[in-house]
Amino acid sequence: MALCSLFYIQAKAQPRYREPEFYLGFHGGVSASTVMFTPTVANMSPITNACVLGGNGGLVFRYAGHKYCHFQMELNYVHRGWAEKSSNAYYARSLHYIELPILMHLNFGSKKCRWFFNLGPQIGYCVKDESAGDYVNGAGSVEYQPIDHKFDWGLAAGTGVYFITRKAGIYHLEARFDFSFGGIYGTQPIDHFSMANPMDLSINLGWLMPVHAKRKVKIENL
């Protein structure tokens, strides 16, 4: 809450555009994901045994009313999951989500190259759940069963750089971390797990174009 308040105060102090700018584009990339289980699952350690590689991509909408603080909304497809690996077997689960992040977008730099930071909540829904490989027997292994909770909610944080061109739009490269606060399995006292939270790290490339460009007139400190 304190962090959001600080960002809000800084945004209010920044120069505003008399005519807001709107951008529309897309992004996509690769991700490494896993699920944080408590109690731990023996065949998911070290972390390299627990990660599943996947892809993600979607549409990006950005509203720029201030010079440095923008509002960004996305509609994404995200591939998450986890893996269990032993010396003689491998088992992986793939969870496919449709996701809606709502982000505060901060950016700083020159007119052609700017560093940015994204932060905000996201909600999602698992539209497909599938498995691959052989079940890995062992203490703590997760037997195949449909996930209990398809609805997901969490927090997204990313940082990167974008390059602004005069006629070809904006190109950006971003590293983003997503953490789910909603467990995929029941986490009540009667359930086996007290935590079953997906998380992933992704690297994405994106492109944005202005929906309509108007002359910018700054109004200082409104």
Foldseek 3Di string as FASTA:
>chain_A
DVVVVVVVVVQLQFWWWPDKWKKKWKKKFKKWKFKDWVVDAPQCPPVVQWIDIDMKMWMKMWIGGGDFKIKIKTWMKDWYWTKGDDPPWIKIKIWIKTKIWIWIKGWDDDPFKIKIKIKGKMKIFTPDIDMDIDQDDDPRGDDDDQFPDRIWMWMKIKIWMWGQDDPFFIKIKMKMKIKTPDARHDLPPVDPTVGTIMMMITIMIMGMDIPDDDDTDIDGSD
